Amino acid sequence: VAICGLGGLGSNIAVHLARAGVGSLHLMDFDTVDISNLNRQQYFPA
């Protein structure tokens, strides 16, 4: 499965598919993690 965009949608989609045991994930994005992302995206302050 290819996931285009790793924000609120993409990061959550990826976590669900990984937990389900999907064998291969292709992650695509050019952005960096920003503090404004932390309210809804699967990232951590660190």
ModelCIF file with pLDDT and N, C-alpha, C, O atoms, coordinates in Angstrom:
data_MODEL
#
_entry.id   MODEL 
#
_entity.id                         1 
_entity.type                       polymer 
_entity.pdbx_number_of_molecules   1 
#
_entity_poly.entity_id                      1 
_entity_poly.type                           'polypeptide(L)' 
_entity_poly.nstd_linkage                   no 
_entity_poly.nstd_monomer                   no 
_entity_poly.pdbx_seq_one_letter_code       VAICGLGGLGSNIAVHLARAGVGSLHLMDFDTVDISNLNRQQYFPA 
_entity_poly.pdbx_seq_one_letter_code_can   VAICGLGGLGSNIAVHLARAGVGSLHLMDFDTVDISNLNRQQYFPA 
_entity_poly.pdbx_strand_id                 A 
#
loop_
_entity_poly_seq.entity_id 
_entity_poly_seq.num 
_entity_poly_seq.mon_id 
_entity_poly_seq.hetero 
1 1  VAL n 
1 2  ALA n 
1 3  ILE n 
1 4  CYS n 
1 5  GLY n 
1 6  LEU n 
1 7  GLY n 
1 8  GLY n 
1 9  LEU n 
1 10 GLY n 
1 11 SER n 
1 12 ASN n 
1 13 ILE n 
1 14 ALA n 
1 15 VAL n 
1 16 HIS n 
1 17 LEU n 
1 18 ALA n 
1 19 ARG n 
1 20 ALA n 
1 21 GLY n 
1 22 VAL n 
1 23 GLY n 
1 24 SER n 
1 25 LEU n 
1 26 HIS n 
1 27 LEU n 
1 28 MET n 
1 29 ASP n 
1 30 PHE n 
1 31 ASP n 
1 32 THR n 
1 33 VAL n 
1 34 ASP n 
1 35 ILE n 
1 36 SER n 
1 37 ASN n 
1 38 LEU n 
1 39 ASN n 
1 40 ARG n 
1 41 GLN n 
1 42 GLN n 
1 43 TYR n 
1 44 PHE n 
1 45 PRO n 
1 46 ALA n 
#
_struct_asym.id          A 
_struct_asym.entity_id   1 
#
loop_
_ma_qa_metric.id 
_ma_qa_metric.mode 
_ma_qa_metric.name 
_ma_qa_metric.software_group_id 
_ma_qa_metric.type 
1 global pLDDT . pLDDT 
2 local  pLDDT . pLDDT 
#
_ma_qa_metric_global.metric_id      1 
_ma_qa_metric_global.metric_value   97.70 
_ma_qa_metric_global.model_id       1 
_ma_qa_metric_global.ordinal_id     1 
#
loop_
_ma_qa_metric_local.label_asym_id 
_ma_qa_metric_local.label_comp_id 
_ma_qa_metric_local.label_seq_id 
_ma_qa_metric_local.metric_id 
_ma_qa_metric_local.metric_value 
_ma_qa_metric_local.model_id 
_ma_qa_metric_local.ordinal_id 
A VAL 1  2 98.00 1 1  
A ALA 2  2 98.00 1 2  
A ILE 3  2 99.00 1 3  
A CYS 4  2 98.00 1 4  
A GLY 5  2 98.00 1 5  
A LEU 6  2 98.00 1 6  
A GLY 7  2 97.00 1 7  
A GLY 8  2 97.00 1 8  
A LEU 9  2 98.00 1 9  
A GLY 10 2 98.00 1 10 
A SER 11 2 98.00 1 11 
A ASN 12 2 98.00 1 12 
A ILE 13 2 98.00 1 13 
A ALA 14 2 98.00 1 14 
A VAL 15 2 98.00 1 15 
A HIS 16 2 98.00 1 16 
A LEU 17 2 98.00 1 17 
A ALA 18 2 98.00 1 18 
A ARG 19 2 98.00 1 19 
A ALA 20 2 98.00 1 20 
A GLY 21 2 98.00 1 21 
A VAL 22 2 98.00 1 22 
A GLY 23 2 98.00 1 23 
A SER 24 2 98.00 1 24 
A LEU 25 2 98.00 1 25 
A HIS 26 2 98.00 1 26 
A LEU 27 2 99.00 1 27 
A MET 28 2 98.00 1 28 
A ASP 29 2 98.00 1 29 
A PHE 30 2 98.00 1 30 
A ASP 31 2 98.00 1 31 
A THR 32 2 98.00 1 32 
A VAL 33 2 98.00 1 33 
A ASP 34 2 98.00 1 34 
A ILE 35 2 98.00 1 35 
A SER 36 2 95.00 1 36 
A ASN 37 2 96.00 1 37 
A LEU 38 2 96.00 1 38 
A ASN 39 2 94.00 1 39 
A ARG 40 2 96.00 1 40 
A GLN 41 2 97.00 1 41 
A GLN 42 2 98.00 1 42 
A TYR 43 2 98.00 1 43 
A PHE 44 2 98.00 1 44 
A PRO 45 2 98.00 1 45 
A ALA 46 2 98.00 1 46 
#
loop_
_atom_site.group_PDB 
_atom_site.id 
_atom_site.type_symbol 
_atom_site.label_atom_id 
_atom_site.label_alt_id 
_atom_site.label_comp_id 
_atom_site.label_asym_id 
_atom_site.label_entity_id 
_atom_site.label_seq_id 
_atom_site.pdbx_PDB_ins_code 
_atom_site.Cartn_x 
_atom_site.Cartn_y 
_atom_site.Cartn_z 
_atom_site.occupancy 
_atom_site.B_iso_or_equiv 
_atom_site.pdbx_formal_charge 
_atom_site.auth_seq_id 
_atom_site.auth_comp_id 
_atom_site.auth_asym_id 
_atom_site.auth_atom_id 
_atom_site.pdbx_PDB_model_num 
ATOM 1   N N  . VAL A 1 1  ? 0.847  -1.192 0.000  1.00 98.00 ? 1  VAL A N  1 
ATOM 2   C CA . VAL A 1 1  ? 0.000  0.000  0.000  1.00 98.00 ? 1  VAL A CA 1 
ATOM 3   C C  . VAL A 1 1  ? 0.885  1.244  0.000  1.00 98.00 ? 1  VAL A C  1 
ATOM 4   O O  . VAL A 1 1  ? 1.854  1.328  0.755  1.00 98.00 ? 1  VAL A O  1 
ATOM 5   N N  . ALA A 1 2  ? 0.544  2.204  -0.849 1.00 98.00 ? 2  ALA A N  1 
ATOM 6   C CA . ALA A 1 2  ? 1.231  3.496  -0.875 1.00 98.00 ? 2  ALA A CA 1 
ATOM 7   C C  . ALA A 1 2  ? 0.404  4.523  -0.124 1.00 98.00 ? 2  ALA A C  1 
ATOM 8   O O  . ALA A 1 2  ? -0.811 4.598  -0.310 1.00 98.00 ? 2  ALA A O  1 
ATOM 9   N N  . ILE A 1 3  ? 1.048  5.311  0.720  1.00 99.00 ? 3  ILE A N  1 
ATOM 10  C CA . ILE A 1 3  ? 0.373  6.360  1.474  1.00 99.00 ? 3  ILE A CA 1 
ATOM 11  C C  . ILE A 1 3  ? 1.000  7.692  1.087  1.00 99.00 ? 3  ILE A C  1 
ATOM 12  O O  . ILE A 1 3  ? 2.165  7.954  1.383  1.00 99.00 ? 3  ILE A O  1 
ATOM 13  N N  . CYS A 1 4  ? 0.213  8.525  0.423  1.00 98.00 ? 4  CYS A N  1 
ATOM 14  C CA . CYS A 1 4  ? 0.697  9.795  -0.116 1.00 98.00 ? 4  CYS A CA 1 
ATOM 15  C C  . CYS A 1 4  ? 0.271  10.934 0.796  1.00 98.00 ? 4  CYS A C  1 
ATOM 16  O O  . CYS A 1 4  ? -0.886 11.356 0.774  1.00 98.00 ? 4  CYS A O  1 
ATOM 17  N N  . GLY A 1 5  ? 1.205  11.428 1.595  1.00 98.00 ? 5  GLY A N  1 
ATOM 18  C CA . GLY A 1 5  ? 0.906  12.424 2.611  1.00 98.00 ? 5  GLY A CA 1 
ATOM 19  C C  . GLY A 1 5  ? 0.879  11.773 3.973  1.00 98.00 ? 5  GLY A C  1 
ATOM 20  O O  . GLY A 1 5  ? 0.151  10.802 4.178  1.00 98.00 ? 5  GLY A O  1 
ATOM 21  N N  . LEU A 1 6  ? 1.661  12.290 4.914  1.00 98.00 ? 6  LEU A N  1 
ATOM 22  C CA . LEU A 1 6  ? 1.814  11.637 6.221  1.00 98.00 ? 6  LEU A CA 1 
ATOM 23  C C  . LEU A 1 6  ? 1.389  12.552 7.356  1.00 98.00 ? 6  LEU A C  1 
ATOM 24  O O  . LEU A 1 6  ? 2.006  12.568 8.421  1.00 98.00 ? 6  LEU A O  1 
ATOM 25  N N  . GLY A 1 7  ? 0.326  13.315 7.119  1.00 97.00 ? 7  GLY A N  1 
ATOM 26  C CA . GLY A 1 7  ? -0.227 14.178 8.152  1.00 97.00 ? 7  GLY A CA 1 
ATOM 27  C C  . GLY A 1 7  ? -1.256 13.452 8.989  1.00 97.00 ? 7  GLY A C  1 
ATOM 28  O O  . GLY A 1 7  ? -1.083 12.282 9.331  1.00 97.00 ? 7  GLY A O  1 
ATOM 29  N N  . GLY A 1 8  ? -2.352 14.166 9.323  1.00 97.00 ? 8  GLY A N  1 
ATOM 30  C CA . GLY A 1 8  ? -3.369 13.575 10.175 1.00 97.00 ? 8  GLY A CA 1 
ATOM 31  C C  . GLY A 1 8  ? -3.999 12.332 9.584  1.00 97.00 ? 8  GLY A C  1 
ATOM 32  O O  . GLY A 1 8  ? -4.253 11.365 10.302 1.00 97.00 ? 8  GLY A O  1 
ATOM 33  N N  . LEU A 1 9  ? -4.254 12.343 8.295  1.00 98.00 ? 9  LEU A N  1 
ATOM 34  C CA . LEU A 1 9  ? -4.802 11.163 7.635  1.00 98.00 ? 9  LEU A CA 1 
ATOM 35  C C  . LEU A 1 9  ? -3.740 10.088 7.459  1.00 98.00 ? 9  LEU A C  1 
ATOM 36  O O  . LEU A 1 9  ? -3.888 8.968  7.948  1.00 98.00 ? 9  LEU A O  1 
ATOM 37  N N  . GLY A 1 10 ? -2.671 10.436 6.758  1.00 98.00 ? 10 GLY A N  1 
ATOM 38  C CA . GLY A 1 10 ? -1.696 9.429  6.382  1.00 98.00 ? 10 GLY A CA 1 
ATOM 39  C C  . GLY A 1 10 ? -1.008 8.735  7.535  1.00 98.00 ? 10 GLY A C  1 
ATOM 40  O O  . GLY A 1 10 ? -0.798 7.523  7.496  1.00 98.00 ? 10 GLY A O  1 
ATOM 41  N N  . SER A 1 11 ? -0.647 9.503  8.579  1.00 98.00 ? 11 SER A N  1 
ATOM 42  C CA . SER A 1 11 ? 0.037  8.871  9.712  1.00 98.00 ? 11 SER A CA 1 
ATOM 43  C C  . SER A 1 11 ? -0.883 7.908  10.444 1.00 98.00 ? 11 SER A C  1 
ATOM 44  O O  . SER A 1 11 ? -0.441 6.858  10.910 1.00 98.00 ? 11 SER A O  1 
ATOM 45  N N  . ASN A 1 12 ? -2.168 8.259  10.547 1.00 98.00 ? 12 ASN A N  1 
ATOM 46  C CA . ASN A 1 12 ? -3.129 7.358  11.193 1.00 98.00 ? 12 ASN A CA 1 
ATOM 47  C C  . ASN A 1 12 ? -3.433 6.147  10.319 1.00 98.00 ? 12 ASN A C  1 
ATOM 48  O O  . ASN A 1 12 ? -3.548 5.031  10.825 1.00 98.00 ? 12 ASN A O  1 
ATOM 49  N N  . ILE A 1 13 ? -3.563 6.358  9.010  1.00 98.00 ? 13 ILE A N  1 
ATOM 50  C CA . ILE A 1 13 ? -3.765 5.226  8.104  1.00 98.00 ? 13 ILE A CA 1 
ATOM 51  C C  . ILE A 1 13 ? -2.615 4.233  8.244  1.00 98.00 ? 13 ILE A C  1 
ATOM 52  O O  . ILE A 1 13 ? -2.835 3.027  8.352  1.00 98.00 ? 13 ILE A O  1 
ATOM 53  N N  . ALA A 1 14 ? -1.398 4.746  8.241  1.00 98.00 ? 14 ALA A N  1 
ATOM 54  C CA . ALA A 1 14 ? -0.225 3.883  8.313  1.00 98.00 ? 14 ALA A CA 1 
ATOM 55  C C  . ALA A 1 14 ? -0.202 3.056  9.596  1.00 98.00 ? 14 ALA A C  1 
ATOM 56  O O  . ALA A 1 14 ? 0.122  1.869  9.565  1.00 98.00 ? 14 ALA A O  1 
ATOM 57  N N  . VAL A 1 15 ? -0.542 3.679  10.716 1.00 98.00 ? 15 VAL A N  1 
ATOM 58  C CA . VAL A 1 15 ? -0.568 2.947  11.989 1.00 98.00 ? 15 VAL A CA 1 
ATOM 59  C C  . VAL A 1 15 ? -1.606 1.824  11.944 1.00 98.00 ? 15 VAL A C  1 
ATOM 60  O O  . VAL A 1 15 ? -1.322 0.705  12.370 1.00 98.00 ? 15 VAL A O  1 
ATOM 61  N N  . HIS A 1 16 ? -2.809 2.112  11.431 1.00 98.00 ? 16 HIS A N  1 
ATOM 62  C CA . HIS A 1 16 ? -3.840 1.078  11.341 1.00 98.00 ? 16 HIS A CA 1 
ATOM 63  C C  . HIS A 1 16 ? -3.394 -0.084 10.462 1.00 98.00 ? 16 HIS A C  1 
ATOM 64  O O  . HIS A 1 16 ? -3.592 -1.244 10.823 1.00 98.00 ? 16 HIS A O  1 
ATOM 65  N N  . LEU A 1 17 ? -2.800 0.214  9.320  1.00 98.00 ? 17 LEU A N  1 
ATOM 66  C CA . LEU A 1 17 ? -2.393 -0.849 8.399  1.00 98.00 ? 17 LEU A CA 1 
ATOM 67  C C  . LEU A 1 17 ? -1.228 -1.654 8.954  1.00 98.00 ? 17 LEU A C  1 
ATOM 68  O O  . LEU A 1 17 ? -1.173 -2.872 8.782  1.00 98.00 ? 17 LEU A O  1 
ATOM 69  N N  . ALA A 1 18 ? -0.293 -0.976 9.622  1.00 98.00 ? 18 ALA A N  1 
ATOM 70  C CA . ALA A 1 18 ? 0.815  -1.696 10.239 1.00 98.00 ? 18 ALA A CA 1 
ATOM 71  C C  . ALA A 1 18 ? 0.314  -2.636 11.325 1.00 98.00 ? 18 ALA A C  1 
ATOM 72  O O  . ALA A 1 18 ? 0.773  -3.774 11.422 1.00 98.00 ? 18 ALA A O  1 
ATOM 73  N N  . ARG A 1 19 ? -0.626 -2.168 12.143 1.00 98.00 ? 19 ARG A N  1 
ATOM 74  C CA . ARG A 1 19 ? -1.170 -3.015 13.206 1.00 98.00 ? 19 ARG A CA 1 
ATOM 75  C C  . ARG A 1 19 ? -1.938 -4.207 12.649 1.00 98.00 ? 19 ARG A C  1 
ATOM 76  O O  . ARG A 1 19 ? -2.009 -5.256 13.288 1.00 98.00 ? 19 ARG A O  1 
ATOM 77  N N  . ALA A 1 20 ? -2.509 -4.047 11.467 1.00 98.00 ? 20 ALA A N  1 
ATOM 78  C CA . ALA A 1 20 ? -3.250 -5.150 10.840 1.00 98.00 ? 20 ALA A CA 1 
ATOM 79  C C  . ALA A 1 20 ? -2.327 -6.180 10.199 1.00 98.00 ? 20 ALA A C  1 
ATOM 80  O O  . ALA A 1 20 ? -2.772 -7.262 9.819  1.00 98.00 ? 20 ALA A O  1 
ATOM 81  N N  . GLY A 1 21 ? -1.045 -5.849 10.078 1.00 98.00 ? 21 GLY A N  1 
ATOM 82  C CA . GLY A 1 21 ? -0.101 -6.791 9.500  1.00 98.00 ? 21 GLY A CA 1 
ATOM 83  C C  . GLY A 1 21 ? 0.049  -6.681 8.003  1.00 98.00 ? 21 GLY A C  1 
ATOM 84  O O  . GLY A 1 21 ? 0.468  -7.638 7.353  1.00 98.00 ? 21 GLY A O  1 
ATOM 85  N N  . VAL A 1 22 ? -0.288 -5.523 7.436  1.00 98.00 ? 22 VAL A N  1 
ATOM 86  C CA . VAL A 1 22 ? -0.042 -5.317 6.007  1.00 98.00 ? 22 VAL A CA 1 
ATOM 87  C C  . VAL A 1 22 ? 1.467  -5.408 5.766  1.00 98.00 ? 22 VAL A C  1 
ATOM 88  O O  . VAL A 1 22 ? 2.258  -4.801 6.487  1.00 98.00 ? 22 VAL A O  1 
ATOM 89  N N  . GLY A 1 23 ? 1.851  -6.173 4.748  1.00 98.00 ? 23 GLY A N  1 
ATOM 90  C CA . GLY A 1 23 ? 3.254  -6.537 4.596  1.00 98.00 ? 23 GLY A CA 1 
ATOM 91  C C  . GLY A 1 23 ? 4.180  -5.440 4.138  1.00 98.00 ? 23 GLY A C  1 
ATOM 92  O O  . GLY A 1 23 ? 5.346  -5.411 4.532  1.00 98.00 ? 23 GLY A O  1 
ATOM 93  N N  . SER A 1 24 ? 3.673  -4.512 3.291  1.00 98.00 ? 24 SER A N  1 
ATOM 94  C CA . SER A 1 24 ? 4.551  -3.502 2.714  1.00 98.00 ? 24 SER A CA 1 
ATOM 95  C C  . SER A 1 24 ? 3.851  -2.159 2.669  1.00 98.00 ? 24 SER A C  1 
ATOM 96  O O  . SER A 1 24 ? 2.739  -2.049 2.154  1.00 98.00 ? 24 SER A O  1 
ATOM 97  N N  . LEU A 1 25 ? 4.504  -1.130 3.210  1.00 98.00 ? 25 LEU A N  1 
ATOM 98  C CA . LEU A 1 25 ? 3.977  0.220  3.200  1.00 98.00 ? 25 LEU A CA 1 
ATOM 99  C C  . LEU A 1 25 ? 4.993  1.157  2.565  1.00 98.00 ? 25 LEU A C  1 
ATOM 100 O O  . LEU A 1 25 ? 6.177  1.134  2.902  1.00 98.00 ? 25 LEU A O  1 
ATOM 101 N N  . HIS A 1 26 ? 4.511  1.984  1.637  1.00 98.00 ? 26 HIS A N  1 
ATOM 102 C CA . HIS A 1 26 ? 5.357  2.975  0.966  1.00 98.00 ? 26 HIS A CA 1 
ATOM 103 C C  . HIS A 1 26 ? 4.904  4.355  1.430  1.00 98.00 ? 26 HIS A C  1 
ATOM 104 O O  . HIS A 1 26 ? 3.802  4.790  1.095  1.00 98.00 ? 26 HIS A O  1 
ATOM 105 N N  . LEU A 1 27 ? 5.736  5.039  2.190  1.00 99.00 ? 27 LEU A N  1 
ATOM 106 C CA . LEU A 1 27 ? 5.396  6.306  2.816  1.00 99.00 ? 27 LEU A CA 1 
ATOM 107 C C  . LEU A 1 27 ? 6.006  7.459  2.024  1.00 99.00 ? 27 LEU A C  1 
ATOM 108 O O  . LEU A 1 27 ? 7.201  7.452  1.728  1.00 99.00 ? 27 LEU A O  1 
ATOM 109 N N  . MET A 1 28 ? 5.177  8.454  1.682  1.00 98.00 ? 28 MET A N  1 
ATOM 110 C CA . MET A 1 28 ? 5.663  9.586  0.884  1.00 98.00 ? 28 MET A CA 1 
ATOM 111 C C  . MET A 1 28 ? 5.201  10.918 1.452  1.00 98.00 ? 28 MET A C  1 
ATOM 112 O O  . MET A 1 28 ? 4.011  11.129 1.687  1.00 98.00 ? 28 MET A O  1 
ATOM 113 N N  . ASP A 1 29 ? 6.148  11.805 1.668  1.00 98.00 ? 29 ASP A N  1 
ATOM 114 C CA . ASP A 1 29 ? 5.887  13.165 2.133  1.00 98.00 ? 29 ASP A CA 1 
ATOM 115 C C  . ASP A 1 29 ? 7.213  13.910 2.064  1.00 98.00 ? 29 ASP A C  1 
ATOM 116 O O  . ASP A 1 29 ? 8.272  13.284 2.084  1.00 98.00 ? 29 ASP A O  1 
ATOM 117 N N  . PHE A 1 30 ? 7.170  15.233 1.985  1.00 98.00 ? 30 PHE A N  1 
ATOM 118 C CA . PHE A 1 30 ? 8.411  16.013 1.954  1.00 98.00 ? 30 PHE A CA 1 
ATOM 119 C C  . PHE A 1 30 ? 8.524  16.941 3.165  1.00 98.00 ? 30 PHE A C  1 
ATOM 120 O O  . PHE A 1 30 ? 9.505  17.672 3.294  1.00 98.00 ? 30 PHE A O  1 
ATOM 121 N N  . ASP A 1 31 ? 7.521  16.915 4.054  1.00 98.00 ? 31 ASP A N  1 
ATOM 122 C CA . ASP A 1 31 ? 7.447  17.862 5.156  1.00 98.00 ? 31 ASP A CA 1 
ATOM 123 C C  . ASP A 1 31 ? 8.171  17.340 6.392  1.00 98.00 ? 31 ASP A C  1 
ATOM 124 O O  . ASP A 1 31 ? 8.524  16.164 6.476  1.00 98.00 ? 31 ASP A O  1 
ATOM 125 N N  . THR A 1 32 ? 8.385  18.245 7.351  1.00 98.00 ? 32 THR A N  1 
ATOM 126 C CA . THR A 1 32 ? 8.955  17.881 8.638  1.00 98.00 ? 32 THR A CA 1 
ATOM 127 C C  . THR A 1 32 ? 7.894  18.005 9.734  1.00 98.00 ? 32 THR A C  1 
ATOM 128 O O  . THR A 1 32 ? 6.879  18.678 9.554  1.00 98.00 ? 32 THR A O  1 
ATOM 129 N N  . VAL A 1 33 ? 8.136  17.360 10.850 1.00 98.00 ? 33 VAL A N  1 
ATOM 130 C CA . VAL A 1 33 ? 7.197  17.384 11.973 1.00 98.00 ? 33 VAL A CA 1 
ATOM 131 C C  . VAL A 1 33 ? 7.258  18.750 12.647 1.00 98.00 ? 33 VAL A C  1 
ATOM 132 O O  . VAL A 1 33 ? 8.327  19.219 13.040 1.00 98.00 ? 33 VAL A O  1 
ATOM 133 N N  . ASP A 1 34 ? 6.083  19.381 12.774 1.00 98.00 ? 34 ASP A N  1 
ATOM 134 C CA . ASP A 1 34 ? 5.955  20.702 13.387 1.00 98.00 ? 34 ASP A CA 1 
ATOM 135 C C  . ASP A 1 34 ? 5.087  20.587 14.631 1.00 98.00 ? 34 ASP A C  1 
ATOM 136 O O  . ASP A 1 34 ? 4.273  19.671 14.742 1.00 98.00 ? 34 ASP A O  1 
ATOM 137 N N  . ILE A 1 35 ? 5.258  21.508 15.561 1.00 98.00 ? 35 ILE A N  1 
ATOM 138 C CA . ILE A 1 35 ? 4.470  21.453 16.797 1.00 98.00 ? 35 ILE A CA 1 
ATOM 139 C C  . ILE A 1 35 ? 2.972  21.514 16.521 1.00 98.00 ? 35 ILE A C  1 
ATOM 140 O O  . ILE A 1 35 ? 2.178  20.978 17.294 1.00 98.00 ? 35 ILE A O  1 
ATOM 141 N N  . SER A 1 36 ? 2.579  22.163 15.424 1.00 95.00 ? 36 SER A N  1 
ATOM 142 C CA . SER A 1 36 ? 1.156  22.241 15.084 1.00 95.00 ? 36 SER A CA 1 
ATOM 143 C C  . SER A 1 36 ? 0.584  20.899 14.643 1.00 95.00 ? 36 SER A C  1 
ATOM 144 O O  . SER A 1 36 ? -0.635 20.734 14.579 1.00 95.00 ? 36 SER A O  1 
ATOM 145 N N  . ASN A 1 37 ? 1.453  19.945 14.339 1.00 96.00 ? 37 ASN A N  1 
ATOM 146 C CA . ASN A 1 37 ? 1.001  18.618 13.905 1.00 96.00 ? 37 ASN A CA 1 
ATOM 147 C C  . ASN A 1 37 ? 0.595  17.726 15.078 1.00 96.00 ? 37 ASN A C  1 
ATOM 148 O O  . ASN A 1 37 ? -0.133 16.752 14.891 1.00 96.00 ? 37 ASN A O  1 
ATOM 149 N N  . LEU A 1 38 ? 1.053  18.046 16.266 1.00 96.00 ? 38 LEU A N  1 
ATOM 150 C CA . LEU A 1 38 ? 0.944  17.099 17.378 1.00 96.00 ? 38 LEU A CA 1 
ATOM 151 C C  . LEU A 1 38 ? -0.484 16.892 17.873 1.00 96.00 ? 38 LEU A C  1 
ATOM 152 O O  . LEU A 1 38 ? -0.748 15.937 18.603 1.00 96.00 ? 38 LEU A O  1 
ATOM 153 N N  . ASN A 1 39 ? -1.417 17.776 17.486 1.00 94.00 ? 39 ASN A N  1 
ATOM 154 C CA . ASN A 1 39 ? -2.784 17.621 17.990 1.00 94.00 ? 39 ASN A CA 1 
ATOM 155 C C  . ASN A 1 39 ? -3.548 16.518 17.283 1.00 94.00 ? 39 ASN A C  1 
ATOM 156 O O  . ASN A 1 39 ? -4.608 16.115 17.760 1.00 94.00 ? 39 ASN A O  1 
ATOM 157 N N  . ARG A 1 40 ? -3.039 16.006 16.140 1.00 96.00 ? 40 ARG A N  1 
ATOM 158 C CA . ARG A 1 40 ? -3.830 15.032 15.393 1.00 96.00 ? 40 ARG A CA 1 
ATOM 159 C C  . ARG A 1 40 ? -3.003 14.014 14.620 1.00 96.00 ? 40 ARG A C  1 
ATOM 160 O O  . ARG A 1 40 ? -3.561 13.090 14.028 1.00 96.00 ? 40 ARG A O  1 
ATOM 161 N N  . GLN A 1 41 ? -1.696 14.165 14.614 1.00 97.00 ? 41 GLN A N  1 
ATOM 162 C CA . GLN A 1 41 ? -0.853 13.292 13.808 1.00 97.00 ? 41 GLN A CA 1 
ATOM 163 C C  . GLN A 1 41 ? -0.035 12.363 14.696 1.00 97.00 ? 41 GLN A C  1 
ATOM 164 O O  . GLN A 1 41 ? 0.218  12.676 15.859 1.00 97.00 ? 41 GLN A O  1 
ATOM 165 N N  . GLN A 1 42 ? 0.372  11.244 14.162 1.00 98.00 ? 42 GLN A N  1 
ATOM 166 C CA . GLN A 1 42 ? 1.040  10.206 14.946 1.00 98.00 ? 42 GLN A CA 1 
ATOM 167 C C  . GLN A 1 42 ? 2.540  10.483 15.103 1.00 98.00 ? 42 GLN A C  1 
ATOM 168 O O  . GLN A 1 42 ? 3.394  9.705  14.677 1.00 98.00 ? 42 GLN A O  1 
ATOM 169 N N  . TYR A 1 43 ? 2.816  11.630 15.735 1.00 98.00 ? 43 TYR A N  1 
ATOM 170 C CA . TYR A 1 43 ? 4.203  12.010 16.008 1.00 98.00 ? 43 TYR A CA 1 
ATOM 171 C C  . TYR A 1 43 ? 4.332  12.430 17.470 1.00 98.00 ? 43 TYR A C  1 
ATOM 172 O O  . TYR A 1 43 ? 3.336  12.652 18.158 1.00 98.00 ? 43 TYR A O  1 
ATOM 173 N N  . PHE A 1 44 ? 5.570  12.533 17.929 1.00 98.00 ? 44 PHE A N  1 
ATOM 174 C CA . PHE A 1 44 ? 5.858  12.842 19.318 1.00 98.00 ? 44 PHE A CA 1 
ATOM 175 C C  . PHE A 1 44 ? 6.714  14.113 19.402 1.00 98.00 ? 44 PHE A C  1 
ATOM 176 O O  . PHE A 1 44 ? 7.421  14.442 18.450 1.00 98.00 ? 44 PHE A O  1 
ATOM 177 N N  . PRO A 1 45 ? 6.655  14.828 20.532 1.00 98.00 ? 45 PRO A N  1 
ATOM 178 C CA . PRO A 1 45 ? 7.467  16.040 20.671 1.00 98.00 ? 45 PRO A CA 1 
ATOM 179 C C  . PRO A 1 45 ? 8.949  15.823 20.379 1.00 98.00 ? 45 PRO A C  1 
ATOM 180 O O  . PRO A 1 45 ? 9.610  16.708 19.836 1.00 98.00 ? 45 PRO A O  1 
ATOM 181 N N  . ALA A 1 46 ? 9.464  14.672 20.730 1.00 98.00 ? 46 ALA A N  1 
ATOM 182 C CA . ALA A 1 46 ? 10.880 14.391 20.490 1.00 98.00 ? 46 ALA A CA 1 
ATOM 183 C C  . ALA A 1 46 ? 11.206 14.283 19.002 1.00 98.00 ? 46 ALA A C  1 
ATOM 184 O O  . ALA A 1 46 ? 12.358 14.049 18.637 1.00 98.00 ? 46 ALA A O  1 
#
